[in-house]
Amino acid sequence: MTKLLIGLTVFTVMTTWQRGRGLVTAERAQLEGRLPEFIDDLRSGKVSTLRIPGTACSSTAASRQRRRAPNPRGDSF
C-alpha cells in the first residue's frame, strides 16, 4: 500500500509539473514572442543590438559565488 501511495504521489507531482511548465511556456511565448523567431530577427538585423567596446560577459563557477568587494580602507571586519 505504501509503494502505491508513493507512486501515486510521484505521478501527481510529475504531471502537475509538466502541465505547469506547458502553461508557463505558452504564456511566455505569448508575452515575449517565440525564441527561434527572436534569434532569426537578431541574425537578420531586424532587431538592433547595442555593443559597447571593451565590455564582456562571462559565466564561470566563480561568478556564481557571492564575493565581497575589497575594503578600500584595508581593514577587515
C-alpha atoms as a PDB file:
ATOM      1  CA  MET A   1       0.000   0.000   0.000  1.00  0.00           C
ATOM      2  CA  THR A   2       2.854   2.381   0.819  1.00  0.00           C
ATOM      3  CA  LYS A   3       4.531   1.824  -2.555  1.00  0.00           C
ATOM      4  CA  LEU A   4       1.272   2.568  -4.312  1.00  0.00           C
ATOM      5  CA  LEU A   5       0.873   5.812  -2.373  1.00  0.00           C
ATOM      6  CA  ILE A   6       4.441   6.855  -3.164  1.00  0.00           C
ATOM      7  CA  GLY A   7       3.930   6.043  -6.849  1.00  0.00           C
ATOM      8  CA  LEU A   8       0.664   7.992  -6.950  1.00  0.00           C
ATOM      9  CA  THR A   9       2.312  10.972  -5.266  1.00  0.00           C
ATOM     10  CA  VAL A  10       5.244  10.970  -7.705  1.00  0.00           C
ATOM     11  CA  PHE A  11       2.856  10.646 -10.651  1.00  0.00           C
ATOM     12  CA  THR A  12       0.756  13.582  -9.408  1.00  0.00           C
ATOM     13  CA  VAL A  13       3.797  15.786  -8.871  1.00  0.00           C
ATOM     14  CA  MET A  14       5.270  14.997 -12.281  1.00  0.00           C
ATOM     15  CA  THR A  15       2.034  15.519 -14.217  1.00  0.00           C
ATOM     16  CA  THR A  16       1.380  18.781 -12.352  1.00  0.00           C
ATOM     17  CA  TRP A  17       4.922  19.918 -13.140  1.00  0.00           C
ATOM     18  CA  GLN A  18       4.526  19.058 -16.818  1.00  0.00           C
ATOM     19  CA  ARG A  19       1.216  20.898 -17.104  1.00  0.00           C
ATOM     20  CA  GLY A  20       2.566  23.952 -15.278  1.00  0.00           C
ATOM     21  CA  ARG A  21       5.642  24.038 -17.479  1.00  0.00           C
ATOM     22  CA  GLY A  22       3.452  23.982 -20.564  1.00  0.00           C
ATOM     23  CA  LEU A  23       1.285  26.818 -19.245  1.00  0.00           C
ATOM     24  CA  VAL A  24       4.288  28.967 -18.361  1.00  0.00           C
ATOM     25  CA  THR A  25       5.919  28.323 -21.747  1.00  0.00           C
ATOM     26  CA  ALA A  26       2.732  29.263 -23.600  1.00  0.00           C
ATOM     27  CA  GLU A  27       2.276  32.439 -21.559  1.00  0.00           C
ATOM     28  CA  ARG A  28       5.903  33.436 -22.061  1.00  0.00           C
ATOM     29  CA  ALA A  29       5.679  32.830 -25.805  1.00  0.00           C
ATOM     30  CA  GLN A  30       2.547  34.991 -25.952  1.00  0.00           C
ATOM     31  CA  LEU A  31       4.107  37.866 -23.999  1.00  0.00           C
ATOM     32  CA  GLU A  32       7.660  37.763 -25.336  1.00  0.00           C
ATOM     33  CA  GLY A  33       7.368  36.004 -28.670  1.00  0.00           C
ATOM     34  CA  ARG A  34       8.980  32.744 -29.673  1.00  0.00           C
ATOM     35  CA  LEU A  35      12.720  32.315 -29.132  1.00  0.00           C
ATOM     36  CA  PRO A  36      13.582  30.943 -32.625  1.00  0.00           C
ATOM     37  CA  GLU A  37      11.873  33.944 -34.243  1.00  0.00           C
ATOM     38  CA  PHE A  38      13.818  36.331 -31.989  1.00  0.00           C
ATOM     39  CA  ILE A  39      17.112  34.650 -32.875  1.00  0.00           C
ATOM     40  CA  ASP A  40      16.259  34.865 -36.574  1.00  0.00           C
ATOM     41  CA  ASP A  41      15.469  38.578 -36.137  1.00  0.00           C
ATOM     42  CA  LEU A  42      18.812  39.129 -34.417  1.00  0.00           C
ATOM     43  CA  ARG A  43      20.699  37.383 -37.208  1.00  0.00           C
ATOM     44  CA  SER A  44      18.839  39.237 -39.953  1.00  0.00           C
ATOM     45  CA  GLY A  45      19.320  42.645 -38.321  1.00  0.00           C
ATOM     46  CA  LYS A  46      15.614  43.355 -37.705  1.00  0.00           C
ATOM     47  CA  VAL A  47      16.393  43.802 -34.022  1.00  0.00           C
ATOM     48  CA  SER A  48      19.206  46.205 -33.276  1.00  0.00           C
ATOM     49  CA  THR A  49      21.806  45.375 -30.692  1.00  0.00           C
ATOM     50  CA  LEU A  50      23.988  47.805 -28.811  1.00  0.00           C
ATOM     51  CA  ARG A  51      27.598  46.757 -28.489  1.00  0.00           C
ATOM     52  CA  ILE A  52      29.957  48.688 -26.263  1.00  0.00           C
ATOM     53  CA  PRO A  53      33.670  48.229 -26.969  1.00  0.00           C
ATOM     54  CA  GLY A  54      35.689  46.866 -24.072  1.00  0.00           C
ATOM     55  CA  THR A  55      32.819  45.133 -22.263  1.00  0.00           C
ATOM     56  CA  ALA A  56      32.239  41.433 -21.882  1.00  0.00           C
ATOM     57  CA  CYS A  57      30.085  38.970 -20.001  1.00  0.00           C
ATOM     58  CA  SER A  58      31.305  35.649 -18.781  1.00  0.00           C
ATOM     59  CA  SER A  59      29.721  32.935 -16.723  1.00  0.00           C
ATOM     60  CA  THR A  60      32.054  30.879 -14.611  1.00  0.00           C
ATOM     61  CA  ALA A  61      31.717  28.879 -11.438  1.00  0.00           C
ATOM     62  CA  ALA A  62      33.420  31.718  -9.563  1.00  0.00           C
ATOM     63  CA  SER A  63      30.806  34.230 -10.718  1.00  0.00           C
ATOM     64  CA  ARG A  64      28.066  32.190  -9.055  1.00  0.00           C
ATOM     65  CA  GLN A  65      29.649  32.526  -5.635  1.00  0.00           C
ATOM     66  CA  ARG A  66      28.890  35.562  -3.541  1.00  0.00           C
ATOM     67  CA  ARG A  67      32.010  37.650  -3.297  1.00  0.00           C
ATOM     68  CA  ARG A  68      32.592  40.715  -1.222  1.00  0.00           C
ATOM     69  CA  ALA A  69      34.201  43.760  -2.691  1.00  0.00           C
ATOM     70  CA  PRO A  70      37.609  44.546  -1.196  1.00  0.00           C
ATOM     71  CA  ASN A  71      37.553  47.062   1.605  1.00  0.00           C
ATOM     72  CA  PRO A  72      39.187  50.289   0.342  1.00  0.00           C
ATOM     73  CA  ARG A  73      40.491  51.128   3.844  1.00  0.00           C
ATOM     74  CA  GLY A  74      42.279  47.785   4.090  1.00  0.00           C
ATOM     75  CA  ASP A  75      40.858  46.799   7.466  1.00  0.00           C
ATOM     76  CA  SER A  76      38.784  43.674   7.757  1.00  0.00           C
ATOM     77  CA  PHE A  77      35.526  43.296   9.596  1.00  0.00           C
END
